[in-house]
Amino acid sequence: MLNPRQKYLQIAFNRDIEEVKTMISALPVSENILVEAGTPFIKKYGAGGISKIKDWWGGYVVADLKTMDRGSDEVEMAAQAGASAITCLGLAPVPTIDGFIKECSARGLDSMLDMMNVQFPFEILQQLKKMPAAVVLHRGVDEADDRNRAIPYYDINRIRATYPLFISIAGGETTREVMRAFFNDANIAVVWRSFYDNPSQTRELAEEFLAETEK
């Protein structure tokens, strides 16, 4: 479903549902944009919220479930809601991750393994029966002001040397950080805060970030 030769901007939405509807309608039409139903949004609006985002956007939708247990059940729920991809935490038990990946594959969805707070992502991948569609290298929102918690760009080449996976970088919120993600050979750069803080500037922000996918 994703083109390995293409760079993608993934925009996470977490505001109230009517605001998200307005924001999505303001996005430029682009095959380089992936729309995410953020974790707080899903907690508030459930599967119905994912369905709404799918209806409004029509294209690729990531459900950021951050699955930690009962992976196959959560995949079924998100799939029925129209998600294109779903996230599972790399901190989850290996059997949960294996079941999550298997169920995503069976349903034709992209499995995204979020390595937030995982010190050695490569070691997690080595334990799996089957690889996910994508690995998310993630500095958490609450870690952004901690100078000792850098975005783990260095893991990109280590993973790529063994596994031909899509790599997503989350935790950078400036055009410079998005540029750096793509410079380090990431496929996807995830952003959310600029859009959350400035919903009336959705189109302008998207166009500014999208320019980095074309370099």
Protein backbone atom coordinates (compact mmCIF):
# COMPACT_ATOMS: atom_id res chain seq x y z
CA MET A 1 0.00 0.00 0.00
CA LEU A 2 2.98 2.30 0.55
CA ASN A 3 5.63 3.02 -2.06
CA PRO A 4 9.18 2.45 -0.74
CA ARG A 5 10.50 5.02 -3.22
CA GLN A 6 8.27 7.75 -1.86
CA LYS A 7 8.51 9.99 1.21
CA TYR A 8 5.41 10.47 3.34
CA LEU A 9 4.21 13.08 5.79
CA GLN A 10 2.00 11.56 8.48
CA ILE A 11 -0.22 14.10 10.21
CA ALA A 12 -1.74 13.07 13.54
CA PHE A 13 -5.05 14.63 14.58
CA ASN A 14 -6.08 14.89 18.22
CA ARG A 15 -8.48 17.82 18.51
CA ASP A 16 -12.28 17.62 18.91
CA ILE A 17 -14.01 15.71 16.14
CA GLU A 18 -15.63 18.72 14.43
CA GLU A 19 -12.31 20.56 14.41
CA VAL A 20 -10.61 17.50 12.93
CA LYS A 21 -13.23 17.40 10.19
CA THR A 22 -12.50 21.03 9.30
CA MET A 23 -8.75 20.47 9.43
CA ILE A 24 -8.85 17.42 7.18
CA SER A 25 -11.01 19.27 4.65
CA ALA A 26 -8.30 21.96 4.53
CA LEU A 27 -5.49 19.53 3.64
CA PRO A 28 -4.07 19.70 0.13
CA VAL A 29 -4.74 16.64 -2.00
CA SER A 30 -1.49 14.69 -2.01
CA GLU A 31 -0.48 11.04 -2.20
CA ASN A 32 2.39 11.98 0.14
CA ILE A 33 0.04 12.62 3.08
CA LEU A 34 -0.96 9.92 5.56
CA VAL A 35 -3.65 10.92 8.05
CA GLU A 36 -3.48 9.57 11.58
CA ALA A 37 -6.24 9.13 14.12
CA GLY A 38 -4.14 9.95 17.18
CA THR A 39 -4.26 7.94 20.39
CA PRO A 40 -6.11 10.60 22.45
CA PHE A 41 -8.61 11.03 19.59
CA ILE A 42 -9.32 7.28 19.48
CA LYS A 43 -9.65 7.10 23.26
CA LYS A 44 -12.27 9.85 23.10
CA TYR A 45 -14.21 8.80 19.99
CA GLY A 46 -13.43 5.10 19.58
CA ALA A 47 -13.81 3.16 16.35
CA GLY A 48 -16.46 5.63 15.21
CA GLY A 49 -13.84 8.37 15.21
CA ILE A 50 -11.58 6.31 12.96
CA SER A 51 -14.50 5.73 10.58
CA LYS A 52 -15.22 9.46 10.43
CA ILE A 53 -11.61 10.28 9.57
CA LYS A 54 -11.65 7.62 6.86
CA ASP A 55 -14.83 9.12 5.39
CA TRP A 56 -13.43 12.66 5.43
CA TRP A 57 -9.98 11.82 4.08
CA GLY A 58 -10.73 8.83 1.87
CA GLY A 59 -7.06 7.90 1.61
CA TYR A 60 -4.54 6.20 3.87
CA VAL A 61 -5.48 6.32 7.56
CA VAL A 62 -3.26 5.22 10.45
CA ALA A 63 -5.02 4.21 13.67
CA ASP A 64 -2.53 4.91 16.45
CA LEU A 65 -3.85 2.31 18.86
CA LYS A 66 -0.49 1.62 20.53
CA THR A 67 -1.67 -1.94 21.14
CA MET A 68 -0.17 -3.56 24.24
CA ASP A 69 -2.31 -6.70 24.58
CA ARG A 70 -4.94 -8.67 22.60
CA GLY A 71 -3.46 -7.48 19.33
CA SER A 72 -5.69 -9.50 17.00
CA ASP A 73 -8.87 -8.13 18.61
CA GLU A 74 -7.74 -4.53 18.29
CA VAL A 75 -6.76 -5.08 14.67
CA GLU A 76 -10.25 -6.42 13.93
CA MET A 77 -11.84 -3.33 15.47
CA ALA A 78 -9.66 -0.87 13.57
CA ALA A 79 -10.00 -2.78 10.32
CA GLN A 80 -13.79 -2.65 10.52
CA ALA A 81 -13.51 1.09 11.11
CA GLY A 82 -11.59 1.53 7.85
CA ALA A 83 -7.99 1.92 9.02
CA SER A 84 -5.18 1.32 6.52
CA ALA A 85 -2.50 0.80 9.17
CA ILE A 86 -2.41 0.20 12.92
CA THR A 87 0.28 0.68 15.56
CA CYS A 88 1.42 -1.75 18.24
CA LEU A 89 3.99 -1.00 20.94
CA GLY A 90 7.37 -2.67 20.74
CA LEU A 91 7.14 -2.99 24.52
CA ALA A 92 4.22 -5.42 24.15
CA PRO A 93 4.84 -9.14 24.76
CA VAL A 94 6.30 -10.85 21.70
CA PRO A 95 3.25 -13.17 21.31
CA THR A 96 1.04 -10.06 21.22
CA ILE A 97 3.20 -8.47 18.53
CA ASP A 98 3.27 -11.69 16.51
CA GLY A 99 -0.52 -11.98 16.70
CA PHE A 100 -0.91 -8.32 15.78
CA ILE A 101 1.30 -8.63 12.68
CA LYS A 102 -0.40 -11.86 11.60
CA GLU A 103 -3.88 -10.34 11.88
CA CYS A 104 -2.86 -7.18 10.02
CA SER A 105 -1.43 -9.30 7.21
CA ALA A 106 -4.58 -11.42 7.02
CA ARG A 107 -6.71 -8.30 6.69
CA GLY A 108 -4.48 -6.52 4.20
CA LEU A 109 -3.44 -3.80 6.64
CA ASP A 110 0.00 -2.36 7.34
CA SER A 111 1.34 -3.25 10.79
CA MET A 112 3.42 -0.48 12.39
CA LEU A 113 5.58 -1.39 15.39
CA ASP A 114 6.16 1.66 17.62
CA MET A 115 9.52 1.48 19.40
CA MET A 116 8.88 4.32 21.87
CA ASN A 117 10.93 3.69 25.02
CA VAL A 118 12.54 0.60 23.48
CA GLN A 119 16.29 0.90 23.98
CA PHE A 120 17.26 -1.71 21.37
CA PRO A 121 14.63 -1.97 18.59
CA PHE A 122 16.76 -4.36 16.54
CA GLU A 123 16.67 -6.93 19.35
CA ILE A 124 12.86 -6.86 19.40
CA LEU A 125 12.71 -7.48 15.64
CA GLN A 126 15.04 -10.47 16.00
CA GLN A 127 12.46 -12.24 18.20
CA LEU A 128 9.50 -11.92 15.83
CA LYS A 129 8.10 -14.66 13.60
CA LYS A 130 7.32 -12.16 10.85
CA MET A 131 8.39 -8.58 10.27
CA PRO A 132 5.93 -5.67 10.55
CA ALA A 133 5.30 -3.46 7.54
CA ALA A 134 6.94 -0.52 9.31
CA VAL A 135 8.98 0.35 12.37
CA VAL A 136 8.29 3.63 14.17
CA LEU A 137 11.37 5.12 15.84
CA HIS A 138 9.76 7.40 18.37
CA ARG A 139 10.73 10.04 20.89
CA GLY A 140 7.68 10.51 23.09
CA VAL A 141 5.88 13.84 23.43
CA ASP A 142 6.78 14.14 27.13
CA GLU A 143 10.46 13.57 26.30
CA ALA A 144 10.74 16.40 23.78
CA ASP A 145 12.32 18.83 26.25
CA ASP A 146 14.82 16.29 27.57
CA ARG A 147 18.15 16.89 25.84
CA ASN A 148 19.24 13.37 26.74
CA ARG A 149 16.35 11.82 24.73
CA ALA A 150 17.26 12.42 21.11
CA ILE A 151 15.25 11.12 18.16
CA PRO A 152 16.92 7.76 17.37
CA TYR A 153 17.95 8.37 13.76
CA TYR A 154 20.98 6.12 14.31
CA ASP A 155 18.73 3.04 14.46
CA ILE A 156 17.58 3.51 10.85
CA ASN A 157 20.70 2.11 9.20
CA ARG A 158 21.10 -0.65 11.76
CA ILE A 159 17.60 -1.94 11.06
CA ARG A 160 17.83 -1.41 7.30
CA ALA A 161 21.06 -3.38 7.09
CA THR A 162 19.12 -6.55 7.95
CA TYR A 163 15.43 -5.85 7.41
CA PRO A 164 14.00 -4.04 4.33
CA LEU A 165 11.29 -2.28 6.33
CA PHE A 166 9.57 1.07 6.12
CA ILE A 167 10.96 3.38 8.77
CA SER A 168 8.84 6.06 10.38
CA ILE A 169 10.28 8.83 12.57
CA ALA A 170 8.06 10.36 15.25
CA GLY A 171 8.92 13.06 17.74
CA GLY A 172 10.18 15.84 15.49
CA GLU A 173 7.91 18.84 15.04
CA THR A 174 9.86 21.31 12.90
CA THR A 175 10.59 21.38 9.19
CA ARG A 176 14.25 20.99 10.09
CA GLU A 177 13.52 17.77 12.00
CA VAL A 178 11.36 16.45 9.17
CA MET A 179 14.16 17.26 6.73
CA ARG A 180 16.61 15.43 8.99
CA ALA A 181 14.35 12.37 9.13
CA PHE A 182 14.31 12.11 5.35
CA PHE A 183 18.04 12.92 5.12
CA ASN A 184 18.64 9.88 7.35
CA ASP A 185 16.60 7.73 4.95
CA ALA A 186 13.29 7.52 6.82
CA ASN A 187 10.21 6.82 4.69
CA ILE A 188 7.70 8.59 6.93
CA ALA A 189 7.91 11.66 9.17
CA VAL A 190 5.16 12.03 11.77
CA VAL A 191 4.02 15.46 12.97
CA TRP A 192 1.12 16.64 15.13
CA ARG A 193 1.85 19.52 17.50
CA SER A 194 2.01 22.32 14.92
CA PHE A 195 -1.40 21.28 13.60
CA TYR A 196 -2.87 20.84 17.07
CA ASP A 197 -1.69 24.29 18.16
CA ASN A 198 -2.62 26.05 14.91
CA PRO A 199 -5.70 24.36 13.41
CA SER A 200 -6.59 27.40 11.29
CA GLN A 201 -3.22 27.07 9.51
CA THR A 202 -3.63 23.42 8.55
CA ARG A 203 -3.22 23.90 4.81
CA GLU A 204 -0.22 26.22 5.10
CA LEU A 205 1.53 23.92 7.56
CA ALA A 206 0.87 20.85 5.43
CA GLU A 207 2.28 22.53 2.34
CA GLU A 208 5.37 23.66 4.26
CA PHE A 209 6.07 20.15 5.56
CA LEU A 210 5.15 18.51 2.25
CA ALA A 211 7.90 20.45 0.52
CA GLU A 212 10.41 18.29 2.43
CA THR A 213 8.96 15.13 0.84
CA GLU A 214 9.81 16.45 -2.61
CA LYS A 215 13.52 17.10 -2.01
